Amino acid sequence: MMDQVQPAQLQDWIASQTPNGTTVVLDVREPWEVQTACVKAQGFELVEMVMHTIPTRWQDLSRDQPIACLCHHGARSMQVAVFLVQQGFSHVANITGGIHAWSSQVDASVPTY
């Protein structure tokens, strides 16, 4: 199952996933994007894995660990979230609106681009 989570709702989603281990926020953006704007890990583990590397690196992730996927606006992260569910991951969310929404809903110090 995959959830859609607004950045402002992420902490509640993480709390609902706690029995399943530490939540991973999987940032699937390009390195230059991460350098431009990055979230601060607050109650989750931040993992950077560029979208095009997911088909060869998804096995580095635990299927039982909650994973919330993040990109610029939410489209790439949605594709990755669907892929992870297809690979048997059971606790997956897409962070709707991506880092852009994160800036307006969670941390205004995160630059928009």
PDB file of N, CA and C in Angstrom:
ATOM      1  N   MET A   1       0.834  -1.184   0.000  1.00  0.00           N
ATOM      2  CA  MET A   1       0.000   0.000   0.000  1.00  0.00           C
ATOM      3  C   MET A   1       0.882   1.252   0.000  1.00  0.00           C
ATOM      4  N   MET A   2       0.429   2.267  -0.695  1.00  0.00           N
ATOM      5  CA  MET A   2       1.164   3.519  -0.749  1.00  0.00           C
ATOM      6  C   MET A   2       0.265   4.652  -0.278  1.00  0.00           C
ATOM      7  N   ASP A   3       0.832   5.500   0.574  1.00  0.00           N
ATOM      8  CA  ASP A   3       0.106   6.656   1.081  1.00  0.00           C
ATOM      9  C   ASP A   3       0.586   7.921   0.375  1.00  0.00           C
ATOM     10  N   GLN A   4      -0.285   8.913   0.321  1.00  0.00           N
ATOM     11  CA  GLN A   4       0.062  10.258  -0.133  1.00  0.00           C
ATOM     12  C   GLN A   4       0.112  11.134   1.116  1.00  0.00           C
ATOM     13  N   VAL A   5       1.258  11.776   1.345  1.00  0.00           N
ATOM     14  CA  VAL A   5       1.446  12.535   2.575  1.00  0.00           C
ATOM     15  C   VAL A   5       1.952  13.933   2.230  1.00  0.00           C
ATOM     16  N   GLN A   6       1.271  14.951   2.705  1.00  0.00           N
ATOM     17  CA  GLN A   6       1.769  16.317   2.596  1.00  0.00           C
ATOM     18  C   GLN A   6       2.968  16.469   3.533  1.00  0.00           C
ATOM     19  N   PRO A   7       3.932  17.318   3.212  1.00  0.00           N
ATOM     20  CA  PRO A   7       5.072  17.506   4.117  1.00  0.00           C
ATOM     21  C   PRO A   7       4.650  17.827   5.548  1.00  0.00           C
ATOM     22  N   ALA A   8       3.611  18.628   5.714  1.00  0.00           N
ATOM     23  CA  ALA A   8       3.141  18.989   7.051  1.00  0.00           C
ATOM     24  C   ALA A   8       2.577  17.787   7.808  1.00  0.00           C
ATOM     25  N   GLN A   9       2.223  16.713   7.103  1.00  0.00           N
ATOM     26  CA  GLN A   9       1.657  15.506   7.717  1.00  0.00           C
ATOM     27  C   GLN A   9       2.703  14.412   7.937  1.00  0.00           C
ATOM     28  N   LEU A  10       3.930  14.651   7.494  1.00  0.00           N
ATOM     29  CA  LEU A  10       4.942  13.593   7.535  1.00  0.00           C
ATOM     30  C   LEU A  10       5.208  13.089   8.944  1.00  0.00           C
ATOM     31  N   GLN A  11       5.307  13.983   9.911  1.00  0.00           N
ATOM     32  CA  GLN A  11       5.599  13.534  11.282  1.00  0.00           C
ATOM     33  C   GLN A  11       4.485  12.627  11.819  1.00  0.00           C
ATOM     34  N   ASP A  12       3.243  12.918  11.479  1.00  0.00           N
ATOM     35  CA  ASP A  12       2.133  12.045  11.888  1.00  0.00           C
ATOM     36  C   ASP A  12       2.240  10.684  11.206  1.00  0.00           C
ATOM     37  N   TRP A  13       2.597  10.678   9.917  1.00  0.00           N
ATOM     38  CA  TRP A  13       2.762   9.411   9.199  1.00  0.00           C
ATOM     39  C   TRP A  13       3.894   8.606   9.811  1.00  0.00           C
ATOM     40  N   ILE A  14       5.001   9.275  10.136  1.00  0.00           N
ATOM     41  CA  ILE A  14       6.133   8.593  10.777  1.00  0.00           C
ATOM     42  C   ILE A  14       5.684   7.979  12.097  1.00  0.00           C
ATOM     43  N   ALA A  15       4.946   8.732  12.896  1.00  0.00           N
ATOM     44  CA  ALA A  15       4.460   8.221  14.186  1.00  0.00           C
ATOM     45  C   ALA A  15       3.588   6.988  14.003  1.00  0.00           C
ATOM     46  N   SER A  16       2.804   6.964  12.935  1.00  0.00           N
ATOM     47  CA  SER A  16       1.943   5.806  12.691  1.00  0.00           C
ATOM     48  C   SER A  16       2.739   4.586  12.213  1.00  0.00           C
ATOM     49  N   GLN A  17       3.968   4.793  11.770  1.00  0.00           N
ATOM     50  CA  GLN A  17       4.807   3.715  11.251  1.00  0.00           C
ATOM     51  C   GLN A  17       5.841   3.227  12.259  1.00  0.00           C
ATOM     52  N   THR A  18       5.952   3.872  13.418  1.00  0.00           N
ATOM     53  CA  THR A  18       7.010   3.608  14.383  1.00  0.00           C
ATOM     54  C   THR A  18       7.224   2.135  14.702  1.00  0.00           C
ATOM     55  N   PRO A  19       6.180   1.320  14.876  1.00  0.00           N
ATOM     56  CA  PRO A  19       6.434  -0.095  15.194  1.00  0.00           C
ATOM     57  C   PRO A  19       7.224  -0.825  14.103  1.00  0.00           C
ATOM     58  N   ASN A  20       7.300  -0.247  12.913  1.00  0.00           N
ATOM     59  CA  ASN A  20       7.986  -0.898  11.801  1.00  0.00           C
ATOM     60  C   ASN A  20       9.439  -0.459  11.653  1.00  0.00           C
ATOM     61  N   GLY A  21       9.956   0.294  12.614  1.00  0.00           N
ATOM     62  CA  GLY A  21      11.358   0.719  12.568  1.00  0.00           C
ATOM     63  C   GLY A  21      11.504   2.169  12.153  1.00  0.00           C
ATOM     64  N   THR A  22      12.747   2.601  12.079  1.00  0.00           N
ATOM     65  CA  THR A  22      13.056   3.979  11.714  1.00  0.00           C
ATOM     66  C   THR A  22      12.606   4.260  10.290  1.00  0.00           C
ATOM     67  N   THR A  23      11.922   5.364  10.114  1.00  0.00           N
ATOM     68  CA  THR A  23      11.452   5.759   8.793  1.00  0.00           C
ATOM     69  C   THR A  23      12.597   6.345   7.978  1.00  0.00           C
ATOM     70  N   VAL A  24      12.622   5.992   6.698  1.00  0.00           N
ATOM     71  CA  VAL A  24      13.576   6.553   5.751  1.00  0.00           C
ATOM     72  C   VAL A  24      12.840   7.559   4.880  1.00  0.00           C
ATOM     73  N   VAL A  25      13.407   8.761   4.740  1.00  0.00           N
ATOM     74  CA  VAL A  25      12.955   9.686   3.707  1.00  0.00           C
ATOM     75  C   VAL A  25      13.938   9.506   2.569  1.00  0.00           C
ATOM     76  N   LEU A  26      13.434   8.977   1.473  1.00  0.00           N
ATOM     77  CA  LEU A  26      14.250   8.646   0.306  1.00  0.00           C
ATOM     78  C   LEU A  26      14.180   9.803  -0.680  1.00  0.00           C
ATOM     79  N   ASP A  27      15.267  10.574  -0.743  1.00  0.00           N
ATOM     80  CA  ASP A  27      15.349  11.725  -1.647  1.00  0.00           C
ATOM     81  C   ASP A  27      15.859  11.225  -2.985  1.00  0.00           C
ATOM     82  N   VAL A  28      15.024  11.289  -4.018  1.00  0.00           N
ATOM     83  CA  VAL A  28      15.366  10.715  -5.325  1.00  0.00           C
ATOM     84  C   VAL A  28      15.790  11.778  -6.345  1.00  0.00           C
ATOM     85  N   ARG A  29      16.094  12.975  -5.864  1.00  0.00           N
ATOM     86  CA  ARG A  29      16.492  14.055  -6.762  1.00  0.00           C
ATOM     87  C   ARG A  29      17.954  13.919  -7.193  1.00  0.00           C
ATOM     88  N   GLU A  30      18.319  14.719  -8.179  1.00  0.00           N
ATOM     89  CA  GLU A  30      19.694  14.764  -8.675  1.00  0.00           C
ATOM     90  C   GLU A  30      20.589  15.457  -7.645  1.00  0.00           C
ATOM     91  N   PRO A  31      21.898  15.136  -7.635  1.00  0.00           N
ATOM     92  CA  PRO A  31      22.805  15.744  -6.649  1.00  0.00           C
ATOM     93  C   PRO A  31      22.763  17.275  -6.622  1.00  0.00           C
ATOM     94  N   TRP A  32      22.675  17.914  -7.794  1.00  0.00           N
ATOM     95  CA  TRP A  32      22.641  19.380  -7.803  1.00  0.00           C
ATOM     96  C   TRP A  32      21.391  19.915  -7.123  1.00  0.00           C
ATOM     97  N   GLU A  33      20.283  19.155  -7.202  1.00  0.00           N
ATOM     98  CA  GLU A  33      19.054  19.579  -6.551  1.00  0.00           C
ATOM     99  C   GLU A  33      19.185  19.491  -5.029  1.00  0.00           C
ATOM    100  N   VAL A  34      19.811  18.418  -4.570  1.00  0.00           N
ATOM    101  CA  VAL A  34      20.016  18.232  -3.133  1.00  0.00           C
ATOM    102  C   VAL A  34      20.927  19.336  -2.597  1.00  0.00           C
ATOM    103  N   GLN A  35      21.948  19.718  -3.373  1.00  0.00           N
ATOM    104  CA  GLN A  35      22.829  20.812  -2.963  1.00  0.00           C
ATOM    105  C   GLN A  35      22.079  22.137  -2.919  1.00  0.00           C
ATOM    106  N   THR A  36      21.105  22.309  -3.781  1.00  0.00           N
ATOM    107  CA  THR A  36      20.330  23.548  -3.844  1.00  0.00           C
ATOM    108  C   THR A  36      19.374  23.661  -2.662  1.00  0.00           C
ATOM    109  N   ALA A  37      18.709  22.562  -2.320  1.00  0.00           N
ATOM    110  CA  ALA A  37      17.715  22.568  -1.245  1.00  0.00           C
ATOM    111  C   ALA A  37      17.638  21.174  -0.634  1.00  0.00           C
ATOM    112  N   CYS A  38      17.818  21.108   0.671  1.00  0.00           N
ATOM    113  CA  CYS A  38      17.809  19.804   1.341  1.00  0.00           C
ATOM    114  C   CYS A  38      17.012  19.899   2.639  1.00  0.00           C
ATOM    115  N   VAL A  39      16.336  18.810   2.983  1.00  0.00           N
ATOM    116  CA  VAL A  39      15.608  18.760   4.253  1.00  0.00           C
ATOM    117  C   VAL A  39      16.567  18.345   5.360  1.00  0.00           C
ATOM    118  N   LYS A  40      16.223  18.728   6.575  1.00  0.00           N
ATOM    119  CA  LYS A  40      16.987  18.303   7.749  1.00  0.00           C
ATOM    120  C   LYS A  40      16.282  17.081   8.329  1.00  0.00           C
ATOM    121  N   ALA A  41      17.049  16.051   8.621  1.00  0.00           N
ATOM    122  CA  ALA A  41      16.467  14.830   9.196  1.00  0.00           C
ATOM    123  C   ALA A  41      15.941  15.127  10.596  1.00  0.00           C
ATOM    124  N   GLN A  42      14.642  14.997  10.764  1.00  0.00           N
ATOM    125  CA  GLN A  42      13.978  15.229  12.045  1.00  0.00           C
ATOM    126  C   GLN A  42      13.078  14.035  12.342  1.00  0.00           C
ATOM    127  N   GLY A  43      13.616  13.053  13.048  1.00  0.00           N
ATOM    128  CA  GLY A  43      12.834  11.867  13.375  1.00  0.00           C
ATOM    129  C   GLY A  43      12.808  10.836  12.269  1.00  0.00           C
ATOM    130  N   PHE A  44      13.707  10.971  11.300  1.00  0.00           N
ATOM    131  CA  PHE A  44      13.811  10.007  10.217  1.00  0.00           C
ATOM    132  C   PHE A  44      15.245   9.960   9.717  1.00  0.00           C
ATOM    133  N   GLU A  45      15.543   8.925   8.961  1.00  0.00           N
ATOM    134  CA  GLU A  45      16.848   8.793   8.324  1.00  0.00           C
ATOM    135  C   GLU A  45      16.713   9.301   6.889  1.00  0.00           C
ATOM    136  N   LEU A  46      17.574  10.215   6.490  1.00  0.00           N
ATOM    137  CA  LEU A  46      17.554  10.750   5.137  1.00  0.00           C
ATOM    138  C   LEU A  46      18.518   9.944   4.270  1.00  0.00           C
ATOM    139  N   VAL A  47      17.993   9.376   3.190  1.00  0.00           N
ATOM    140  CA  VAL A  47      18.794   8.591   2.249  1.00  0.00           C
ATOM    141  C   VAL A  47      18.653   9.229   0.871  1.00  0.00           C
ATOM    142  N   GLU A  48      19.773   9.523   0.245  1.00  0.00           N
ATOM    143  CA  GLU A  48      19.765  10.087  -1.105  1.00  0.00           C
ATOM    144  C   GLU A  48      20.070   8.980  -2.100  1.00  0.00           C
ATOM    145  N   MET A  49      19.172   8.802  -3.065  1.00  0.00           N
ATOM    146  CA  MET A  49      19.323   7.776  -4.089  1.00  0.00           C
ATOM    147  C   MET A  49      18.670   8.310  -5.359  1.00  0.00           C
ATOM    148  N   VAL A  50      19.464   8.762  -6.309  1.00  0.00           N
ATOM    149  CA  VAL A  50      18.941   9.373  -7.527  1.00  0.00           C
ATOM    150  C   VAL A  50      17.968   8.410  -8.208  1.00  0.00           C
ATOM    151  N   MET A  51      16.873   8.947  -8.711  1.00  0.00           N
ATOM    152  CA  MET A  51      15.803   8.129  -9.281  1.00  0.00           C
ATOM    153  C   MET A  51      16.303   7.081 -10.268  1.00  0.00           C
ATOM    154  N   HIS A  52      17.168   7.458 -11.188  1.00  0.00           N
ATOM    155  CA  HIS A  52      17.587   6.503 -12.220  1.00  0.00           C
ATOM    156  C   HIS A  52      18.438   5.363 -11.659  1.00  0.00           C
ATOM    157  N   THR A  53      18.888   5.467 -10.401  1.00  0.00           N
ATOM    158  CA  THR A  53      19.669   4.378  -9.796  1.00  0.00           C
ATOM    159  C   THR A  53      18.792   3.395  -9.016  1.00  0.00           C
ATOM    160  N   ILE A  54      17.536   3.737  -8.804  1.00  0.00           N
ATOM    161  CA  ILE A  54      16.644   2.898  -7.991  1.00  0.00           C
ATOM    162  C   ILE A  54      16.540   1.463  -8.520  1.00  0.00           C
ATOM    163  N   PRO A  55      16.398   1.226  -9.839  1.00  0.00           N
ATOM    164  CA  PRO A  55      16.279  -0.161 -10.305  1.00  0.00           C
ATOM    165  C   PRO A  55      17.476  -1.052  -9.949  1.00  0.00           C
ATOM    166  N   THR A  56      18.646  -0.461  -9.757  1.00  0.00           N
ATOM    167  CA  THR A  56      19.817  -1.268  -9.391  1.00  0.00           C
ATOM    168  C   THR A  56      20.166  -1.167  -7.913  1.00  0.00           C
ATOM    169  N   ARG A  57      19.552  -0.230  -7.182  1.00  0.00           N
ATOM    170  CA  ARG A  57      19.912  -0.028  -5.774  1.00  0.00           C
ATOM    171  C   ARG A  57      18.783  -0.288  -4.786  1.00  0.00           C
ATOM    172  N   TRP A  58      17.564  -0.587  -5.259  1.00  0.00           N
ATOM    173  CA  TRP A  58      16.440  -0.728  -4.339  1.00  0.00           C
ATOM    174  C   TRP A  58      16.667  -1.813  -3.299  1.00  0.00           C
ATOM    175  N   GLN A  59      17.497  -2.784  -3.620  1.00  0.00           N
ATOM    176  CA  GLN A  59      17.749  -3.862  -2.663  1.00  0.00           C
ATOM    177  C   GLN A  59      18.597  -3.405  -1.479  1.00  0.00           C
ATOM    178  N   ASP A  60      19.149  -2.192  -1.551  1.00  0.00           N
ATOM    179  CA  ASP A  60      19.863  -1.618  -0.406  1.00  0.00           C
ATOM    180  C   ASP A  60      18.889  -1.165   0.679  1.00  0.00           C
ATOM    181  N   LEU A  61      17.607  -1.119   0.358  1.00  0.00           N
ATOM    182  CA  LEU A  61      16.566  -0.689   1.282  1.00  0.00           C
ATOM    183  C   LEU A  61      15.870  -1.904   1.880  1.00  0.00           C
ATOM    184  N   SER A  62      15.347  -1.750   3.083  1.00  0.00           N
ATOM    185  CA  SER A  62      14.614  -2.831   3.741  1.00  0.00           C
ATOM    186  C   SER A  62      13.145  -2.772   3.350  1.00  0.00           C
ATOM    187  N   ARG A  63      12.594  -3.902   2.917  1.00  0.00           N
ATOM    188  CA  ARG A  63      11.177  -3.952   2.524  1.00  0.00           C
ATOM    189  C   ARG A  63      10.234  -3.663   3.682  1.00  0.00           C
ATOM    190  N   ASP A  64      10.685  -3.925   4.902  1.00  0.00           N
ATOM    191  CA  ASP A  64       9.814  -3.736   6.063  1.00  0.00           C
ATOM    192  C   ASP A  64       9.932  -2.358   6.690  1.00  0.00           C
ATOM    193  N   GLN A  65      10.923  -1.594   6.287  1.00  0.00           N
ATOM    194  CA  GLN A  65      11.150  -0.262   6.853  1.00  0.00           C
ATOM    195  C   GLN A  65      10.237   0.756   6.170  1.00  0.00           C
ATOM    196  N   PRO A  66       9.605   1.638   6.932  1.00  0.00           N
ATOM    197  CA  PRO A  66       8.780   2.674   6.309  1.00  0.00           C
ATOM    198  C   PRO A  66       9.651   3.608   5.455  1.00  0.00           C
ATOM    199  N   ILE A  67       9.182   3.908   4.250  1.00  0.00           N
ATOM    200  CA  ILE A  67       9.924   4.770   3.329  1.00  0.00           C
ATOM    201  C   ILE A  67       8.976   5.825   2.776  1.00  0.00           C
ATOM    202  N   ALA A  68       9.376   7.088   2.927  1.00  0.00           N
ATOM    203  CA  ALA A  68       8.641   8.206   2.344  1.00  0.00           C
ATOM    204  C   ALA A  68       9.524   8.803   1.260  1.00  0.00           C
ATOM    205  N   CYS A  69       9.036   8.824   0.037  1.00  0.00           N
ATOM    206  CA  CYS A  69       9.821   9.266  -1.117  1.00  0.00           C
ATOM    207  C   CYS A  69       9.628  10.759  -1.352  1.00  0.00           C
ATOM    208  N   LEU A  70      10.740  11.438  -1.691  1.00  0.00           N
ATOM    209  CA  LEU A  70      10.756  12.886  -1.853  1.00  0.00           C
ATOM    210  C   LEU A  70      11.479  13.270  -3.137  1.00  0.00           C
ATOM    211  N   CYS A  71      10.916  14.240  -3.858  1.00  0.00           N
ATOM    212  CA  CYS A  71      11.604  14.826  -5.019  1.00  0.00           C
ATOM    213  C   CYS A  71      11.299  16.328  -5.038  1.00  0.00           C
ATOM    214  N   HIS A  72      11.324  16.949  -6.212  1.00  0.00           N
ATOM    215  CA  HIS A  72      11.101  18.392  -6.312  1.00  0.00           C
ATOM    216  C   HIS A  72       9.628  18.763  -6.101  1.00  0.00           C
ATOM    217  N   HIS A  73       8.732  18.157  -6.868  1.00  0.00           N
ATOM    218  CA  HIS A  73       7.299  18.473  -6.772  1.00  0.00           C
ATOM    219  C   HIS A  73       6.426  17.256  -6.461  1.00  0.00           C
ATOM    220  N   GLY A  74       6.977  16.059  -6.490  1.00  0.00           N
ATOM    221  CA  GLY A  74       6.214  14.871  -6.140  1.00  0.00           C
ATOM    222  C   GLY A  74       5.988  13.874  -7.256  1.00  0.00           C
ATOM    223  N   ALA A  75       6.361  14.196  -8.488  1.00  0.00           N
ATOM    224  CA  ALA A  75       6.111  13.283  -9.611  1.00  0.00           C
ATOM    225  C   ALA A  75       7.126  12.138  -9.648  1.00  0.00           C
ATOM    226  N   ARG A  76       8.400  12.462  -9.566  1.00  0.00           N
ATOM    227  CA  ARG A  76       9.425  11.399  -9.582  1.00  0.00           C
ATOM    228  C   ARG A  76       9.297  10.505  -8.355  1.00  0.00           C
ATOM    229  N   SER A  77       9.066  11.132  -7.202  1.00  0.00           N
ATOM    230  CA  SER A  77       8.940  10.342  -5.980  1.00  0.00           C
ATOM    231  C   SER A  77       7.721   9.420  -6.052  1.00  0.00           C
ATOM    232  N   MET A  78       6.665   9.853  -6.720  1.00  0.00           N
ATOM    233  CA  MET A  78       5.481   9.005  -6.904  1.00  0.00           C
ATOM    234  C   MET A  78       5.841   7.775  -7.731  1.00  0.00           C
ATOM    235  N   GLN A  79       6.602   7.963  -8.796  1.00  0.00           N
ATOM    236  CA  GLN A  79       7.024   6.830  -9.627  1.00  0.00           C
ATOM    237  C   GLN A  79       7.877   5.865  -8.822  1.00  0.00           C
ATOM    238  N   VAL A  80       8.782   6.382  -8.000  1.00  0.00           N
ATOM    239  CA  VAL A  80       9.633   5.528  -7.171  1.00  0.00           C
ATOM    240  C   VAL A  80       8.786   4.798  -6.129  1.00  0.00           C
ATOM    241  N   ALA A  81       7.844   5.497  -5.506  1.00  0.00           N
ATOM    242  CA  ALA A  81       6.983   4.860  -4.505  1.00  0.00           C
ATOM    243  C   ALA A  81       6.198   3.703  -5.120  1.00  0.00           C
ATOM    244  N   VAL A  82       5.637   3.912  -6.307  1.00  0.00           N
ATOM    245  CA  VAL A  82       4.899   2.839  -6.993  1.00  0.00           C
ATOM    246  C   VAL A  82       5.840   1.676  -7.282  1.00  0.00           C
ATOM    247  N   PHE A  83       7.032   1.958  -7.743  1.00  0.00           N
ATOM    248  CA  PHE A  83       8.022   0.906  -8.026  1.00  0.00           C
ATOM    249  C   PHE A  83       8.336   0.109  -6.761  1.00  0.00           C
ATOM    250  N   LEU A  84       8.550   0.796  -5.648  1.00  0.00           N
ATOM    251  CA  LEU A  84       8.877   0.098  -4.396  1.00  0.00           C
ATOM    252  C   LEU A  84       7.729  -0.811  -3.954  1.00  0.00           C
ATOM    253  N   VAL A  85       6.500  -0.340  -4.085  1.00  0.00           N
ATOM    254  CA  VAL A  85       5.341  -1.182  -3.744  1.00  0.00           C
ATOM    255  C   VAL A  85       5.326  -2.417  -4.638  1.00  0.00           C
ATOM    256  N   GLN A  86       5.631  -2.241  -5.920  1.00  0.00           N
ATOM    257  CA  GLN A  86       5.673  -3.376  -6.848  1.00  0.00           C
ATOM    258  C   GLN A  86       6.776  -4.370  -6.486  1.00  0.00           C
ATOM    259  N   GLN A  87       7.802  -3.899  -5.785  1.00  0.00           N
ATOM    260  CA  GLN A  87       8.895  -4.774  -5.364  1.00  0.00           C
ATOM    261  C   GLN A  87       8.612  -5.421  -4.009  1.00  0.00           C
ATOM    262  N   GLY A  88       7.452  -5.169  -3.435  1.00  0.00           N
ATOM    263  CA  GLY A  88       7.069  -5.820  -2.190  1.00  0.00           C
ATOM    264  C   GLY A  88       7.263  -4.996  -0.933  1.00  0.00           C
ATOM    265  N   PHE A  89       7.559  -3.708  -1.077  1.00  0.00           N
ATOM    266  CA  PHE A  89       7.676  -2.844   0.099  1.00  0.00           C
ATOM    267  C   PHE A  89       6.271  -2.590   0.637  1.00  0.00           C
ATOM    268  N   SER A  90       6.127  -2.656   1.955  1.00  0.00           N
ATOM    269  CA  SER A  90       4.775  -2.611   2.518  1.00  0.00           C
ATOM    270  C   SER A  90       4.407  -1.298   3.200  1.00  0.00           C
ATOM    271  N   HIS A  91       5.361  -0.441   3.481  1.00  0.00           N
ATOM    272  CA  HIS A  91       5.085   0.820   4.174  1.00  0.00           C
ATOM    273  C   HIS A  91       5.728   1.956   3.376  1.00  0.00           C
ATOM    274  N   VAL A  92       5.019   2.453   2.369  1.00  0.00           N
ATOM    275  CA  VAL A  92       5.569   3.441   1.447  1.00  0.00           C
ATOM    276  C   VAL A  92       4.630   4.646   1.358  1.00  0.00           C
ATOM    277  N   ALA A  93       5.242   5.830   1.313  1.00  0.00           N
ATOM    278  CA  ALA A  93       4.474   7.064   1.114  1.00  0.00           C
ATOM    279  C   ALA A  93       5.177   7.923   0.072  1.00  0.00           C
ATOM    280  N   ASN A  94       4.378   8.703  -0.632  1.00  0.00           N
ATOM    281  CA  ASN A  94       4.899   9.736  -1.511  1.00  0.00           C
ATOM    282  C   ASN A  94       4.662  11.070  -0.807  1.00  0.00           C
ATOM    283  N   ILE A  95       5.724  11.883  -0.710  1.00  0.00           N
ATOM    284  CA  ILE A  95       5.581  13.204  -0.106  1.00  0.00           C
ATOM    285  C   ILE A  95       5.079  14.144  -1.200  1.00  0.00           C
ATOM    286  N   THR A  96       3.775  14.384  -1.172  1.00  0.00           N
ATOM    287  CA  THR A  96       3.085  15.179  -2.179  1.00  0.00           C
ATOM    288  C   THR A  96       3.593  16.621  -2.169  1.00  0.00           C
ATOM    289  N   GLY A  97       3.934  17.111  -3.349  1.00  0.00           N
ATOM    290  CA  GLY A  97       4.415  18.485  -3.454  1.00  0.00           C
ATOM    291  C   GLY A  97       5.918  18.610  -3.287  1.00  0.00           C
ATOM    292  N   GLY A  98       6.570  17.532  -2.835  1.00  0.00           N
ATOM    293  CA  GLY A  98       8.020  17.476  -2.758  1.00  0.00           C
ATOM    294  C   GLY A  98       8.674  18.544  -1.899  1.00  0.00           C
ATOM    295  N   ILE A  99       9.942  18.792  -2.221  1.00  0.00           N
ATOM    296  CA  ILE A  99      10.737  19.764  -1.464  1.00  0.00           C
ATOM    297  C   ILE A  99      10.153  21.166  -1.594  1.00  0.00           C
ATOM    298  N   HIS A 100       9.488  21.436  -2.705  1.00  0.00           N
ATOM    299  CA  HIS A 100       8.866  22.748  -2.901  1.00  0.00           C
ATOM    300  C   HIS A 100       7.781  22.974  -1.832  1.00  0.00           C
ATOM    301  N   ALA A 101       6.935  21.983  -1.627  1.00  0.00           N
ATOM    302  CA  ALA A 101       5.895  22.080  -0.598  1.00  0.00           C
ATOM    303  C   ALA A 101       6.513  22.042   0.796  1.00  0.00           C
ATOM    304  N   TRP A 102       7.618  21.308   0.942  1.00  0.00           N
ATOM    305  CA  TRP A 102       8.312  21.250   2.234  1.00  0.00           C
ATOM    306  C   TRP A 102       8.685  22.659   2.676  1.00  0.00           C
ATOM    307  N   SER A 103       9.186  23.452   1.725  1.00  0.00           N
ATOM    308  CA  SER A 103       9.603  24.818   2.031  1.00  0.00           C
ATOM    309  C   SER A 103       8.438  25.649   2.556  1.00  0.00           C
ATOM    310  N   SER A 104       7.265  25.511   1.982  1.00  0.00           N
ATOM    311  CA  SER A 104       6.130  26.326   2.412  1.00  0.00           C
ATOM    312  C   SER A 104       5.401  25.754   3.632  1.00  0.00           C
ATOM    313  N   GLN A 105       5.457  24.425   3.830  1.00  0.00           N
ATOM    314  CA  GLN A 105       4.680  23.811   4.922  1.00  0.00           C
ATOM    315  C   GLN A 105       5.492  23.490   6.166  1.00  0.00           C
ATOM    316  N   VAL A 106       6.790  23.215   6.014  1.00  0.00           N
ATOM    317  CA  VAL A 106       7.569  22.722   7.139  1.00  0.00           C
ATOM    318  C   VAL A 106       8.710  23.651   7.512  1.00  0.00           C
ATOM    319  N   ASP A 107       9.515  24.073   6.539  1.00  0.00           N
ATOM    320  CA  ASP A 107      10.729  24.823   6.838  1.00  0.00           C
ATOM    321  C   ASP A 107      10.984  25.865   5.740  1.00  0.00           C
ATOM    322  N   ALA A 108      10.610  27.102   6.039  1.00  0.00           N
ATOM    323  CA  ALA A 108      10.747  28.186   5.060  1.00  0.00           C
ATOM    324  C   ALA A 108      12.203  28.500   4.722  1.00  0.00           C
ATOM    325  N   SER A 109      13.153  27.986   5.519  1.00  0.00           N
ATOM    326  CA  SER A 109      14.565  28.228   5.203  1.00  0.00           C
ATOM    327  C   SER A 109      15.065  27.338   4.070  1.00  0.00           C
ATOM    328  N   VAL A 110      14.269  26.339   3.684  1.00  0.00           N
ATOM    329  CA  VAL A 110      14.634  25.484   2.552  1.00  0.00           C
ATOM    330  C   VAL A 110      14.315  26.265   1.276  1.00  0.00           C
ATOM    331  N   PRO A 111      15.350  26.518   0.443  1.00  0.00           N
ATOM    332  CA  PRO A 111      15.125  27.317  -0.763  1.00  0.00           C
ATOM    333  C   PRO A 111      14.200  26.603  -1.763  1.00  0.00           C
ATOM    334  N   THR A 112      13.477  27.398  -2.518  1.00  0.00           N
ATOM    335  CA  THR A 112      12.704  26.839  -3.631  1.00  0.00           C
ATOM    336  C   THR A 112      13.489  27.096  -4.912  1.00  0.00           C
ATOM    337  N   TYR A 113      13.259  26.244  -5.879  1.00  0.00           N
ATOM    338  CA  TYR A 113      13.961  26.388  -7.169  1.00  0.00           C
ATOM    339  C   TYR A 113      13.077  25.919  -8.283  1.00  0.00           C
TER     340      TYR A 113
END
